């Protein structure tokens, strides 16, 4: 898989890229979640969008870049986690819904939940 980066798209048609033209990097925390409507993952070399999350009212963005080491081979594996969190009000109380897509190095994308091992940041939940 090629190197990936993100772009946050806002409801006023402005964007915040992970990287600025001068090479400095914006952080995940810099994303204005009040205006965020779409979060794109792009391939760095081609600048092609490979995945987008469209956020609706009440949904909060989740994004992680995980680097894993295969203990047997020592090979490094990168997995991108992209999705959203939302609290849903039901007759039995508040339910926490988490939807995450795992983008793997071979280009495959798997839809899943948090697998009970993803701690949400304060801005996410």
PDB file of N, CA and C in Angstrom:
ATOM      1  N   UNK A   1       0.837  -1.186   0.000  1.00  0.00           N
ATOM      2  CA  UNK A   1       0.000   0.000   0.000  1.00  0.00           C
ATOM      3  C   UNK A   1       0.874   1.239   0.000  1.00  0.00           C
ATOM      4  N   UNK A   2       0.430   2.203  -0.695  1.00  0.00           N
ATOM      5  CA  UNK A   2       1.129   3.484  -0.717  1.00  0.00           C
ATOM      6  C   UNK A   2       0.835   4.255   0.575  1.00  0.00           C
ATOM      7  N   UNK A   3       1.578   5.314   0.779  1.00  0.00           N
ATOM      8  CA  UNK A   3       1.364   6.156   1.949  1.00  0.00           C
ATOM      9  C   UNK A   3       0.054   6.920   1.793  1.00  0.00           C
ATOM     10  N   UNK A   4      -0.686   7.040   2.891  1.00  0.00           N
ATOM     11  CA  UNK A   4      -1.989   7.701   2.873  1.00  0.00           C
ATOM     12  C   UNK A   4      -1.977   8.959   3.725  1.00  0.00           C
ATOM     13  N   UNK A   5      -2.901   9.855   3.433  1.00  0.00           N
ATOM     14  CA  UNK A   5      -3.093  11.047   4.254  1.00  0.00           C
ATOM     15  C   UNK A   5      -4.570  11.418   4.229  1.00  0.00           C
ATOM     16  N   UNK A   6      -4.979  12.369   5.081  1.00  0.00           N
ATOM     17  CA  UNK A   6      -6.387  12.719   5.184  1.00  0.00           C
ATOM     18  C   UNK A   6      -6.655  14.171   4.800  1.00  0.00           C
ATOM     19  N   UNK A   7      -7.925  14.416   4.442  1.00  0.00           N
ATOM     20  CA  UNK A   7      -8.439  15.769   4.229  1.00  0.00           C
ATOM     21  C   UNK A   7      -9.808  15.851   4.885  1.00  0.00           C
ATOM     22  N   UNK A   8     -10.005  16.855   5.738  1.00  0.00           N
ATOM     23  CA  UNK A   8     -11.297  17.127   6.372  1.00  0.00           C
ATOM     24  C   UNK A   8     -12.042  18.151   5.522  1.00  0.00           C
ATOM     25  N   UNK A   9     -13.272  17.834   5.152  1.00  0.00           N
ATOM     26  CA  UNK A   9     -14.113  18.709   4.325  1.00  0.00           C
ATOM     27  C   UNK A   9     -15.230  19.282   5.191  1.00  0.00           C
ATOM     28  N   UNK A  10     -15.393  20.604   5.126  1.00  0.00           N
ATOM     29  CA  UNK A  10     -16.344  21.288   5.998  1.00  0.00           C
ATOM     30  C   UNK A  10     -17.591  21.739   5.253  1.00  0.00           C
ATOM     31  N   UNK A  11     -18.637  22.020   6.041  1.00  0.00           N
ATOM     32  CA  UNK A  11     -19.921  22.411   5.463  1.00  0.00           C
ATOM     33  C   UNK A  11     -19.884  23.768   4.762  1.00  0.00           C
ATOM     34  N   UNK A  12     -18.862  24.575   5.014  1.00  0.00           N
ATOM     35  CA  UNK A  12     -18.726  25.866   4.324  1.00  0.00           C
ATOM     36  C   UNK A  12     -17.817  25.766   3.094  1.00  0.00           C
ATOM     37  N   UNK A  13     -17.555  24.526   2.661  1.00  0.00           N
ATOM     38  CA  UNK A  13     -16.763  24.210   1.470  1.00  0.00           C
ATOM     39  C   UNK A  13     -15.257  24.459   1.643  1.00  0.00           C
ATOM     40  N   UNK A  14     -14.799  24.696   2.872  1.00  0.00           N
ATOM     41  CA  UNK A  14     -13.368  24.794   3.141  1.00  0.00           C
ATOM     42  C   UNK A  14     -12.851  23.402   3.514  1.00  0.00           C
ATOM     43  N   UNK A  15     -11.537  23.266   3.513  1.00  0.00           N
ATOM     44  CA  UNK A  15     -10.919  21.986   3.839  1.00  0.00           C
ATOM     45  C   UNK A  15      -9.734  22.213   4.781  1.00  0.00           C
ATOM     46  N   UNK A  16      -9.399  21.160   5.500  1.00  0.00           N
ATOM     47  CA  UNK A  16      -8.177  21.121   6.293  1.00  0.00           C
ATOM     48  C   UNK A  16      -7.468  19.843   5.912  1.00  0.00           C
ATOM     49  N   UNK A  17      -6.287  19.981   5.350  1.00  0.00           N
ATOM     50  CA  UNK A  17      -5.503  18.817   4.974  1.00  0.00           C
ATOM     51  C   UNK A  17      -4.560  18.418   6.093  1.00  0.00           C
ATOM     52  N   UNK A  18      -4.188  17.166   6.106  1.00  0.00           N
ATOM     53  CA  UNK A  18      -3.221  16.709   7.096  1.00  0.00           C
ATOM     54  C   UNK A  18      -1.909  17.462   6.941  1.00  0.00           C
ATOM     55  N   UNK A  19      -1.566  17.794   5.681  1.00  0.00           N
ATOM     56  CA  UNK A  19      -0.322  18.521   5.417  1.00  0.00           C
ATOM     57  C   UNK A  19      -0.626  19.859   4.761  1.00  0.00           C
ATOM     58  N   UNK A  20       0.050  20.906   5.218  1.00  0.00           N
ATOM     59  CA  UNK A  20      -0.074  22.241   4.642  1.00  0.00           C
ATOM     60  C   UNK A  20       0.914  22.383   3.483  1.00  0.00           C
ATOM     61  N   UNK A  21       0.707  23.367   2.606  1.00  0.00           N
ATOM     62  CA  UNK A  21       1.629  23.568   1.480  1.00  0.00           C
ATOM     63  C   UNK A  21       3.086  23.759   1.904  1.00  0.00           C
ATOM     64  N   UNK A  22       3.309  24.301   3.111  1.00  0.00           N
ATOM     65  CA  UNK A  22       4.687  24.516   3.576  1.00  0.00           C
ATOM     66  C   UNK A  22       5.301  23.254   4.208  1.00  0.00           C
ATOM     67  N   UNK A  23       4.534  22.150   4.214  1.00  0.00           N
ATOM     68  CA  UNK A  23       5.050  20.888   4.736  1.00  0.00           C
ATOM     69  C   UNK A  23       4.724  20.619   6.191  1.00  0.00           C
ATOM     70  N   UNK A  24       4.209  21.629   6.905  1.00  0.00           N
ATOM     71  CA  UNK A  24       3.830  21.394   8.298  1.00  0.00           C
ATOM     72  C   UNK A  24       2.593  20.493   8.338  1.00  0.00           C
ATOM     73  N   UNK A  25       2.420  19.832   9.472  1.00  0.00           N
ATOM     74  CA  UNK A  25       1.343  18.855   9.587  1.00  0.00           C
ATOM     75  C   UNK A  25       0.274  19.306  10.569  1.00  0.00           C
ATOM     76  N   UNK A  26      -0.989  19.193  10.153  1.00  0.00           N
ATOM     77  CA  UNK A  26      -2.115  19.399  11.053  1.00  0.00           C
ATOM     78  C   UNK A  26      -2.383  18.091  11.778  1.00  0.00           C
ATOM     79  N   UNK A  27      -2.833  18.185  12.999  1.00  0.00           N
ATOM     80  CA  UNK A  27      -3.097  17.015  13.825  1.00  0.00           C
ATOM     81  C   UNK A  27      -4.593  16.694  13.807  1.00  0.00           C
ATOM     82  N   UNK A  28      -4.908  15.479  14.176  1.00  0.00           N
ATOM     83  CA  UNK A  28      -6.294  15.015  14.279  1.00  0.00           C
ATOM     84  C   UNK A  28      -7.126  15.952  15.153  1.00  0.00           C
ATOM     85  N   UNK A  29      -6.544  16.428  16.235  1.00  0.00           N
ATOM     86  CA  UNK A  29      -7.233  17.311  17.172  1.00  0.00           C
ATOM     87  C   UNK A  29      -7.584  18.663  16.532  1.00  0.00           C
ATOM     88  N   UNK A  30      -6.889  19.038  15.444  1.00  0.00           N
ATOM     89  CA  UNK A  30      -7.123  20.318  14.778  1.00  0.00           C
ATOM     90  C   UNK A  30      -8.403  20.337  13.934  1.00  0.00           C
ATOM     91  N   UNK A  31      -8.997  19.185  13.697  1.00  0.00           N
ATOM     92  CA  UNK A  31     -10.197  19.108  12.857  1.00  0.00           C
ATOM     93  C   UNK A  31     -11.372  19.754  13.583  1.00  0.00           C
ATOM     94  N   UNK A  32     -12.074  20.650  12.903  1.00  0.00           N
ATOM     95  CA  UNK A  32     -13.257  21.316  13.453  1.00  0.00           C
ATOM     96  C   UNK A  32     -14.460  20.399  13.267  1.00  0.00           C
ATOM     97  N   UNK A  33     -14.785  19.662  14.304  1.00  0.00           N
ATOM     98  CA  UNK A  33     -15.859  18.672  14.221  1.00  0.00           C
ATOM     99  C   UNK A  33     -17.249  19.284  14.090  1.00  0.00           C
ATOM    100  N   UNK A  34     -17.412  20.548  14.472  1.00  0.00           N
ATOM    101  CA  UNK A  34     -18.714  21.208  14.341  1.00  0.00           C
ATOM    102  C   UNK A  34     -19.065  21.478  12.882  1.00  0.00           C
ATOM    103  N   UNK A  35     -18.070  21.596  12.028  1.00  0.00           N
ATOM    104  CA  UNK A  35     -18.304  21.886  10.602  1.00  0.00           C
ATOM    105  C   UNK A  35     -18.028  20.699   9.691  1.00  0.00           C
ATOM    106  N   UNK A  36     -17.486  19.610  10.220  1.00  0.00           N
ATOM    107  CA  UNK A  36     -17.040  18.470   9.420  1.00  0.00           C
ATOM    108  C   UNK A  36     -18.216  17.718   8.794  1.00  0.00           C
ATOM    109  N   UNK A  37     -18.168  17.532   7.475  1.00  0.00           N
ATOM    110  CA  UNK A  37     -19.218  16.766   6.800  1.00  0.00           C
ATOM    111  C   UNK A  37     -18.666  15.536   6.074  1.00  0.00           C
ATOM    112  N   UNK A  38     -17.367  15.554   5.743  1.00  0.00           N
ATOM    113  CA  UNK A  38     -16.759  14.413   5.054  1.00  0.00           C
ATOM    114  C   UNK A  38     -15.278  14.359   5.413  1.00  0.00           C
ATOM    115  N   UNK A  39     -14.788  13.130   5.566  1.00  0.00           N
ATOM    116  CA  UNK A  39     -13.385  12.896   5.886  1.00  0.00           C
ATOM    117  C   UNK A  39     -12.851  11.939   4.838  1.00  0.00           C
ATOM    118  N   UNK A  40     -11.874  12.393   4.059  1.00  0.00           N
ATOM    119  CA  UNK A  40     -11.326  11.603   2.959  1.00  0.00           C
ATOM    120  C   UNK A  40      -9.947  11.066   3.308  1.00  0.00           C
ATOM    121  N   UNK A  41      -9.686   9.841   2.866  1.00  0.00           N
ATOM    122  CA  UNK A  41      -8.361   9.240   2.932  1.00  0.00           C
ATOM    123  C   UNK A  41      -7.854   9.164   1.498  1.00  0.00           C
ATOM    124  N   UNK A  42      -6.666   9.725   1.248  1.00  0.00           N
ATOM    125  CA  UNK A  42      -6.098   9.781  -0.092  1.00  0.00           C
ATOM    126  C   UNK A  42      -4.761   9.073  -0.150  1.00  0.00           C
ATOM    127  N   UNK A  43      -4.442   8.576  -1.336  1.00  0.00           N
ATOM    128  CA  UNK A  43      -3.136   7.986  -1.595  1.00  0.00           C
ATOM    129  C   UNK A  43      -2.186   9.143  -1.901  1.00  0.00           C
ATOM    130  N   UNK A  44      -1.081   9.213  -1.197  1.00  0.00           N
ATOM    131  CA  UNK A  44      -0.199  10.382  -1.251  1.00  0.00           C
ATOM    132  C   UNK A  44       0.376  10.646  -2.641  1.00  0.00           C
ATOM    133  N   UNK A  45       0.842   9.627  -3.326  1.00  0.00           N
ATOM    134  CA  UNK A  45       1.491   9.831  -4.620  1.00  0.00           C
ATOM    135  C   UNK A  45       0.509  10.287  -5.702  1.00  0.00           C
ATOM    136  N   UNK A  46      -0.624   9.586  -5.823  1.00  0.00           N
ATOM    137  CA  UNK A  46      -1.587   9.907  -6.886  1.00  0.00           C
ATOM    138  C   UNK A  46      -2.597  10.972  -6.469  1.00  0.00           C
ATOM    139  N   UNK A  47      -2.712  11.239  -5.162  1.00  0.00           N
ATOM    140  CA  UNK A  47      -3.705  12.154  -4.596  1.00  0.00           C
ATOM    141  C   UNK A  47      -5.133  11.687  -4.851  1.00  0.00           C
ATOM    142  N   UNK A  48      -5.294  10.405  -5.119  1.00  0.00           N
ATOM    143  CA  UNK A  48      -6.602   9.819  -5.382  1.00  0.00           C
ATOM    144  C   UNK A  48      -7.288   9.460  -4.058  1.00  0.00           C
ATOM    145  N   UNK A  49      -8.580   9.822  -3.948  1.00  0.00           N
ATOM    146  CA  UNK A  49      -9.360   9.454  -2.773  1.00  0.00           C
ATOM    147  C   UNK A  49      -9.615   7.946  -2.815  1.00  0.00           C
ATOM    148  N   UNK A  50      -9.239   7.251  -1.742  1.00  0.00           N
ATOM    149  CA  UNK A  50      -9.494   5.810  -1.698  1.00  0.00           C
ATOM    150  C   UNK A  50     -10.620   5.455  -0.736  1.00  0.00           C
ATOM    151  N   UNK A  51     -10.981   6.399   0.156  1.00  0.00           N
ATOM    152  CA  UNK A  51     -12.059   6.134   1.097  1.00  0.00           C
ATOM    153  C   UNK A  51     -12.602   7.449   1.631  1.00  0.00           C
ATOM    154  N   UNK A  52     -13.912   7.537   1.815  1.00  0.00           N
ATOM    155  CA  UNK A  52     -14.552   8.717   2.399  1.00  0.00           C
ATOM    156  C   UNK A  52     -15.555   8.301   3.454  1.00  0.00           C
ATOM    157  N   UNK A  53     -15.608   9.077   4.527  1.00  0.00           N
ATOM    158  CA  UNK A  53     -16.643   8.927   5.551  1.00  0.00           C
ATOM    159  C   UNK A  53     -17.503  10.179   5.476  1.00  0.00           C
ATOM    160  N   UNK A  54     -18.806   9.992   5.270  1.00  0.00           N
ATOM    161  CA  UNK A  54     -19.761  11.095   5.265  1.00  0.00           C
ATOM    162  C   UNK A  54     -20.416  11.125   6.638  1.00  0.00           C
ATOM    163  N   UNK A  55     -20.299  12.259   7.326  1.00  0.00           N
ATOM    164  CA  UNK A  55     -20.789  12.368   8.695  1.00  0.00           C
ATOM    165  C   UNK A  55     -22.139  13.078   8.730  1.00  0.00           C
ATOM    166  N   UNK A  56     -23.064  12.493   9.466  1.00  0.00           N
ATOM    167  CA  UNK A  56     -24.401  13.037   9.647  1.00  0.00           C
ATOM    168  C   UNK A  56     -24.498  13.658  11.035  1.00  0.00           C
ATOM    169  N   UNK A  57     -25.573  14.369  11.277  1.00  0.00           N
ATOM    170  CA  UNK A  57     -25.771  15.015  12.571  1.00  0.00           C
ATOM    171  C   UNK A  57     -25.684  13.981  13.696  1.00  0.00           C
ATOM    172  N   UNK A  58     -24.912  14.296  14.710  1.00  0.00           N
ATOM    173  CA  UNK A  58     -24.765  13.420  15.859  1.00  0.00           C
ATOM    174  C   UNK A  58     -23.623  12.425  15.748  1.00  0.00           C
ATOM    175  N   UNK A  59     -23.052  12.262  14.571  1.00  0.00           N
ATOM    176  CA  UNK A  59     -21.940  11.338  14.393  1.00  0.00           C
ATOM    177  C   UNK A  59     -20.620  12.073  14.602  1.00  0.00           C
ATOM    178  N   UNK A  60     -19.691  11.405  15.262  1.00  0.00           N
ATOM    179  CA  UNK A  60     -18.374  11.975  15.520  1.00  0.00           C
ATOM    180  C   UNK A  60     -17.310  11.097  14.874  1.00  0.00           C
ATOM    181  N   UNK A  61     -16.379  11.748  14.215  1.00  0.00           N
ATOM    182  CA  UNK A  61     -15.313  11.068  13.489  1.00  0.00           C
ATOM    183  C   UNK A  61     -14.404  10.268  14.412  1.00  0.00           C
ATOM    184  N   UNK A  62     -14.003   9.084  13.928  1.00  0.00           N
ATOM    185  CA  UNK A  62     -12.947   8.283  14.552  1.00  0.00           C
ATOM    186  C   UNK A  62     -11.892   8.044  13.479  1.00  0.00           C
ATOM    187  N   UNK A  63     -10.636   8.285  13.832  1.00  0.00           N
ATOM    188  CA  UNK A  63      -9.531   8.025  12.895  1.00  0.00           C
ATOM    189  C   UNK A  63      -8.298   7.628  13.688  1.00  0.00           C
ATOM    190  N   UNK A  64      -7.662   6.563  13.258  1.00  0.00           N
ATOM    191  CA  UNK A  64      -6.392   6.136  13.850  1.00  0.00           C
ATOM    192  C   UNK A  64      -5.506   5.567  12.743  1.00  0.00           C
ATOM    193  N   UNK A  65      -4.223   5.713  12.909  1.00  0.00           N
ATOM    194  CA  UNK A  65      -3.232   5.045  12.062  1.00  0.00           C
ATOM    195  C   UNK A  65      -2.435   4.159  12.996  1.00  0.00           C
ATOM    196  N   UNK A  66      -2.561   2.861  12.809  1.00  0.00           N
ATOM    197  CA  UNK A  66      -1.894   1.913  13.693  1.00  0.00           C
ATOM    198  C   UNK A  66      -0.742   1.247  12.959  1.00  0.00           C
ATOM    199  N   UNK A  67       0.406   1.182  13.609  1.00  0.00           N
ATOM    200  CA  UNK A  67       1.552   0.447  13.092  1.00  0.00           C
ATOM    201  C   UNK A  67       1.737  -0.785  13.972  1.00  0.00           C
ATOM    202  N   UNK A  68       1.679  -1.940  13.339  1.00  0.00           N
ATOM    203  CA  UNK A  68       1.807  -3.210  14.046  1.00  0.00           C
ATOM    204  C   UNK A  68       3.090  -3.892  13.587  1.00  0.00           C
ATOM    205  N   UNK A  69       3.710  -4.634  14.481  1.00  0.00           N
ATOM    206  CA  UNK A  69       4.913  -5.380  14.159  1.00  0.00           C
ATOM    207  C   UNK A  69       4.594  -6.873  14.261  1.00  0.00           C
ATOM    208  N   UNK A  70       4.859  -7.617  13.188  1.00  0.00           N
ATOM    209  CA  UNK A  70       4.710  -9.069  13.207  1.00  0.00           C
ATOM    210  C   UNK A  70       5.870  -9.613  14.035  1.00  0.00           C
ATOM    211  N   UNK A  71       5.564 -10.220  15.171  1.00  0.00           N
ATOM    212  CA  UNK A  71       6.611 -10.684  16.082  1.00  0.00           C
ATOM    213  C   UNK A  71       7.431 -11.819  15.473  1.00  0.00           C
ATOM    214  N   UNK A  72       6.862 -12.569  14.546  1.00  0.00           N
ATOM    215  CA  UNK A  72       7.595 -13.663  13.920  1.00  0.00           C
ATOM    216  C   UNK A  72       8.589 -13.196  12.877  1.00  0.00           C
ATOM    217  N   UNK A  73       8.167 -12.223  12.047  1.00  0.00           N
ATOM    218  CA  UNK A  73       9.019 -11.773  10.946  1.00  0.00           C
ATOM    219  C   UNK A  73       9.652 -10.409  11.182  1.00  0.00           C
ATOM    220  N   UNK A  74       9.094  -9.655  12.112  1.00  0.00           N
ATOM    221  CA  UNK A  74       9.581  -8.300  12.345  1.00  0.00           C
ATOM    222  C   UNK A  74       9.051  -7.299  11.331  1.00  0.00           C
ATOM    223  N   UNK A  75       8.191  -7.768  10.428  1.00  0.00           N
ATOM    224  CA  UNK A  75       7.643  -6.889   9.392  1.00  0.00           C
ATOM    225  C   UNK A  75       6.670  -5.887  10.011  1.00  0.00           C
ATOM    226  N   UNK A  76       6.705  -4.678   9.492  1.00  0.00           N
ATOM    227  CA  UNK A  76       5.821  -3.610   9.935  1.00  0.00           C
ATOM    228  C   UNK A  76       4.564  -3.612   9.069  1.00  0.00           C
ATOM    229  N   UNK A  77       3.405  -3.522   9.715  1.00  0.00           N
ATOM    230  CA  UNK A  77       2.117  -3.478   9.030  1.00  0.00           C
ATOM    231  C   UNK A  77       1.378  -2.228   9.498  1.00  0.00           C
ATOM    232  N   UNK A  78       0.840  -1.470   8.552  1.00  0.00           N
ATOM    233  CA  UNK A  78       0.075  -0.269   8.890  1.00  0.00           C
ATOM    234  C   UNK A  78      -1.389  -0.519   8.565  1.00  0.00           C
ATOM    235  N   UNK A  79      -2.263  -0.177   9.514  1.00  0.00           N
ATOM    236  CA  UNK A  79      -3.697  -0.279   9.334  1.00  0.00           C
ATOM    237  C   UNK A  79      -4.307   1.065   9.710  1.00  0.00           C
ATOM    238  N   UNK A  80      -5.199   1.576   8.854  1.00  0.00           N
ATOM    239  CA  UNK A  80      -5.909   2.820   9.115  1.00  0.00           C
ATOM    240  C   UNK A  80      -7.316   2.477   9.579  1.00  0.00           C
ATOM    241  N   UNK A  81      -7.748   3.058  10.693  1.00  0.00           N
ATOM    242  CA  UNK A  81      -9.088   2.862  11.222  1.00  0.00           C
ATOM    243  C   UNK A  81      -9.854   4.158  10.996  1.00  0.00           C
ATOM    244  N   UNK A  82     -10.966   4.084  10.265  1.00  0.00           N
ATOM    245  CA  UNK A  82     -11.739   5.275   9.939  1.00  0.00           C
ATOM    246  C   UNK A  82     -13.216   4.970  10.129  1.00  0.00           C
ATOM    247  N   UNK A  83     -13.913   5.818  10.842  1.00  0.00           N
ATOM    248  CA  UNK A  83     -15.338   5.589  11.043  1.00  0.00           C
ATOM    249  C   UNK A  83     -15.978   6.687  11.864  1.00  0.00           C
ATOM    250  N   UNK A  84     -17.034   6.300  12.581  1.00  0.00           N
ATOM    251  CA  UNK A  84     -17.754   7.278  13.384  1.00  0.00           C
ATOM    252  C   UNK A  84     -18.350   6.637  14.629  1.00  0.00           C
ATOM    253  N   UNK A  85     -18.666   7.503  15.604  1.00  0.00           N
ATOM    254  CA  UNK A  85     -19.308   7.125  16.856  1.00  0.00           C
ATOM    255  C   UNK A  85     -20.562   7.967  17.001  1.00  0.00           C
ATOM    256  N   UNK A  86     -21.610   7.360  17.578  1.00  0.00           N
ATOM    257  CA  UNK A  86     -22.858   8.087  17.788  1.00  0.00           C
ATOM    258  C   UNK A  86     -23.591   7.468  18.966  1.00  0.00           C
ATOM    259  N   UNK A  87     -24.160   8.320  19.820  1.00  0.00           N
ATOM    260  CA  UNK A  87     -25.023   7.840  20.896  1.00  0.00           C
ATOM    261  C   UNK A  87     -26.450   7.830  20.369  1.00  0.00           C
ATOM    262  N   UNK A  88     -27.132   6.700  20.538  1.00  0.00           N
ATOM    263  CA  UNK A  88     -28.506   6.538  20.077  1.00  0.00           C
ATOM    264  C   UNK A  88     -29.389   6.364  21.292  1.00  0.00           C
ATOM    265  N   UNK A  89     -30.474   7.116  21.346  1.00  0.00           N
ATOM    266  CA  UNK A  89     -31.401   7.045  22.458  1.00  0.00           C
ATOM    267  C   UNK A  89     -32.489   6.026  22.143  1.00  0.00           C
ATOM    268  N   UNK A  90     -32.607   4.999  22.990  1.00  0.00           N
ATOM    269  CA  UNK A  90     -33.592   3.934  22.805  1.00  0.00           C
ATOM    270  C   UNK A  90     -34.482   3.855  24.046  1.00  0.00           C
ATOM    271  N   UNK A  91     -35.515   3.045  23.979  1.00  0.00           N
ATOM    272  CA  UNK A  91     -36.395   2.856  25.136  1.00  0.00           C
ATOM    273  C   UNK A  91     -35.658   2.276  26.332  1.00  0.00           C
ATOM    274  N   UNK A  92     -34.597   1.528  26.076  1.00  0.00           N
ATOM    275  CA  UNK A  92     -33.835   0.931  27.169  1.00  0.00           C
ATOM    276  C   UNK A  92     -32.616   1.758  27.579  1.00  0.00           C
ATOM    277  N   UNK A  93     -32.488   2.942  27.039  1.00  0.00           N
ATOM    278  CA  UNK A  93     -31.389   3.822  27.421  1.00  0.00           C
ATOM    279  C   UNK A  93     -30.502   4.198  26.248  1.00  0.00           C
ATOM    280  N   UNK A  94     -29.406   4.829  26.557  1.00  0.00           N
ATOM    281  CA  UNK A  94     -28.472   5.298  25.529  1.00  0.00           C
ATOM    282  C   UNK A  94     -27.602   4.134  25.070  1.00  0.00           C
ATOM    283  N   UNK A  95     -27.504   3.968  23.757  1.00  0.00           N
ATOM    284  CA  UNK A  95     -26.640   2.948  23.160  1.00  0.00           C
ATOM    285  C   UNK A  95     -25.514   3.665  22.421  1.00  0.00           C
ATOM    286  N   UNK A  96     -24.305   3.180  22.626  1.00  0.00           N
ATOM    287  CA  UNK A  96     -23.139   3.723  21.950  1.00  0.00           C
ATOM    288  C   UNK A  96     -22.909   2.912  20.674  1.00  0.00           C
ATOM    289  N   UNK A  97     -23.016   3.549  19.512  1.00  0.00           N
ATOM    290  CA  UNK A  97     -22.791   2.857  18.243  1.00  0.00           C
ATOM    291  C   UNK A  97     -21.451   3.306  17.671  1.00  0.00           C
ATOM    292  N   UNK A  98     -20.624   2.338  17.328  1.00  0.00           N
ATOM    293  CA  UNK A  98     -19.313   2.603  16.742  1.00  0.00           C
ATOM    294  C   UNK A  98     -19.213   1.821  15.440  1.00  0.00           C
ATOM    295  N   UNK A  99     -18.919   2.528  14.357  1.00  0.00           N
ATOM    296  CA  UNK A  99     -18.722   1.911  13.045  1.00  0.00           C
ATOM    297  C   UNK A  99     -17.328   2.272  12.575  1.00  0.00           C
ATOM    298  N   UNK A 100     -16.513   1.254  12.292  1.00  0.00           N
ATOM    299  CA  UNK A 100     -15.128   1.498  11.882  1.00  0.00           C
ATOM    300  C   UNK A 100     -14.810   0.667  10.653  1.00  0.00           C
ATOM    301  N   UNK A 101     -14.111   1.273   9.716  1.00  0.00           N
ATOM    302  CA  UNK A 101     -13.573   0.565   8.560  1.00  0.00           C
ATOM    303  C   UNK A 101     -12.069   0.473   8.749  1.00  0.00           C
ATOM    304  N   UNK A 102     -11.548  -0.723   8.476  1.00  0.00           N
ATOM    305  CA  UNK A 102     -10.122  -0.986   8.608  1.00  0.00           C
ATOM    306  C   UNK A 102      -9.531  -1.022   7.198  1.00  0.00           C
ATOM    307  N   UNK A 103      -8.652  -0.093   6.894  1.00  0.00           N
ATOM    308  CA  UNK A 103      -8.012  -0.027   5.583  1.00  0.00           C
ATOM    309  C   UNK A 103      -6.645  -0.699   5.717  1.00  0.00           C
ATOM    310  N   UNK A 104      -6.478  -1.804   4.993  1.00  0.00           N
ATOM    311  CA  UNK A 104      -5.262  -2.616   5.093  1.00  0.00           C
ATOM    312  C   UNK A 104      -4.281  -2.275   3.974  1.00  0.00           C
ATOM    313  N   UNK A 105      -3.045  -2.698   4.177  1.00  0.00           N
ATOM    314  CA  UNK A 105      -1.975  -2.379   3.224  1.00  0.00           C
ATOM    315  C   UNK A 105      -2.211  -2.954   1.834  1.00  0.00           C
ATOM    316  N   UNK A 106      -2.959  -4.036   1.740  1.00  0.00           N
ATOM    317  CA  UNK A 106      -3.224  -4.604   0.415  1.00  0.00           C
ATOM    318  C   UNK A 106      -4.348  -3.874  -0.315  1.00  0.00           C
ATOM    319  N   UNK A 107      -4.886  -2.823   0.305  1.00  0.00           N
ATOM    320  CA  UNK A 107      -5.952  -2.042  -0.311  1.00  0.00           C
ATOM    321  C   UNK A 107      -7.342  -2.495   0.071  1.00  0.00           C
ATOM    322  N   UNK A 108      -7.449  -3.619   0.772  1.00  0.00           N
ATOM    323  CA  UNK A 108      -8.772  -4.092   1.177  1.00  0.00           C
ATOM    324  C   UNK A 108      -9.301  -3.237   2.326  1.00  0.00           C
ATOM    325  N   UNK A 109     -10.631  -3.152   2.391  1.00  0.00           N
ATOM    326  CA  UNK A 109     -11.299  -2.380   3.429  1.00  0.00           C
ATOM    327  C   UNK A 109     -12.319  -3.294   4.091  1.00  0.00           C
ATOM    328  N   UNK A 110     -12.270  -3.389   5.413  1.00  0.00           N
ATOM    329  CA  UNK A 110     -13.191  -4.232   6.158  1.00  0.00           C
ATOM    330  C   UNK A 110     -14.031  -3.369   7.092  1.00  0.00           C
ATOM    331  N   UNK A 111     -15.345  -3.554   7.052  1.00  0.00           N
ATOM    332  CA  UNK A 111     -16.267  -2.843   7.942  1.00  0.00           C
ATOM    333  C   UNK A 111     -16.430  -3.650   9.212  1.00  0.00           C
ATOM    334  N   UNK A 112     -16.334  -2.977  10.360  1.00  0.00           N
ATOM    335  CA  UNK A 112     -16.440  -3.659  11.639  1.00  0.00           C
ATOM    336  C   UNK A 112     -16.821  -2.632  12.689  1.00  0.00           C
ATOM    337  N   UNK A 113     -16.892  -3.066  13.924  1.00  0.00           N
ATOM    338  CA  UNK A 113     -17.065  -2.178  15.053  1.00  0.00           C
ATOM    339  C   UNK A 113     -15.713  -1.912  15.669  1.00  0.00           C
ATOM    340  N   UNK A 114     -15.731  -1.535  16.927  1.00  0.00           N
ATOM    341  CA  UNK A 114     -14.477  -1.174  17.588  1.00  0.00           C
ATOM    342  C   UNK A 114     -13.703  -2.379  18.093  1.00  0.00           C
ATOM    343  N   UNK A 115     -14.281  -3.572  17.994  1.00  0.00           N
ATOM    344  CA  UNK A 115     -13.658  -4.806  18.494  1.00  0.00           C
ATOM    345  C   UNK A 115     -13.342  -4.706  19.981  1.00  0.00           C
ATOM    346  N   UNK A 116     -14.023  -3.794  20.654  1.00  0.00           N
ATOM    347  CA  UNK A 116     -13.897  -3.601  22.101  1.00  0.00           C
ATOM    348  C   UNK A 116     -12.487  -3.261  22.563  1.00  0.00           C
ATOM    349  N   UNK A 117     -11.632  -2.791  21.667  1.00  0.00           N
ATOM    350  CA  UNK A 117     -10.280  -2.441  22.090  1.00  0.00           C
ATOM    351  C   UNK A 117      -9.886  -1.021  21.680  1.00  0.00           C
ATOM    352  N   UNK A 118     -10.851  -0.240  21.216  1.00  0.00           N
ATOM    353  CA  UNK A 118     -10.554   1.126  20.792  1.00  0.00           C
ATOM    354  C   UNK A 118     -11.120   2.084  21.827  1.00  0.00           C
ATOM    355  N   UNK A 119     -10.255   2.784  22.494  1.00  0.00           N
ATOM    356  CA  UNK A 119     -10.712   3.777  23.458  1.00  0.00           C
ATOM    357  C   UNK A 119     -10.989   5.072  22.717  1.00  0.00           C
ATOM    358  N   UNK A 120     -12.216   5.567  22.862  1.00  0.00           N
ATOM    359  CA  UNK A 120     -12.584   6.815  22.209  1.00  0.00           C
ATOM    360  C   UNK A 120     -11.919   7.980  22.932  1.00  0.00           C
ATOM    361  N   UNK A 121     -11.507   8.968  22.163  1.00  0.00           N
ATOM    362  CA  UNK A 121     -10.990  10.190  22.725  1.00  0.00           C
ATOM    363  C   UNK A 121     -12.167  11.059  23.159  1.00  0.00           C
ATOM    364  N   UNK A 122     -11.929  12.029  24.005  1.00  0.00           N
ATOM    365  CA  UNK A 122     -13.009  12.895  24.495  1.00  0.00           C
ATOM    366  C   UNK A 122     -13.770  13.548  23.335  1.00  0.00           C
ATOM    367  N   UNK A 123     -13.070  13.932  22.269  1.00  0.00           N
ATOM    368  CA  UNK A 123     -13.705  14.599  21.128  1.00  0.00           C
ATOM    369  C   UNK A 123     -14.543  13.636  20.296  1.00  0.00           C
ATOM    370  N   UNK A 124     -14.390  12.337  20.505  1.00  0.00           N
ATOM    371  CA  UNK A 124     -15.093  11.333  19.718  1.00  0.00           C
ATOM    372  C   UNK A 124     -16.347  10.801  20.423  1.00  0.00           C
ATOM    373  N   UNK A 125     -16.432  10.898  21.692  1.00  0.00           N
ATOM    374  CA  UNK A 125     -17.555  10.279  22.367  1.00  0.00           C
ATOM    375  C   UNK A 125     -18.031  11.077  23.493  1.00  0.00           C
TER     376      UNK A 125
END
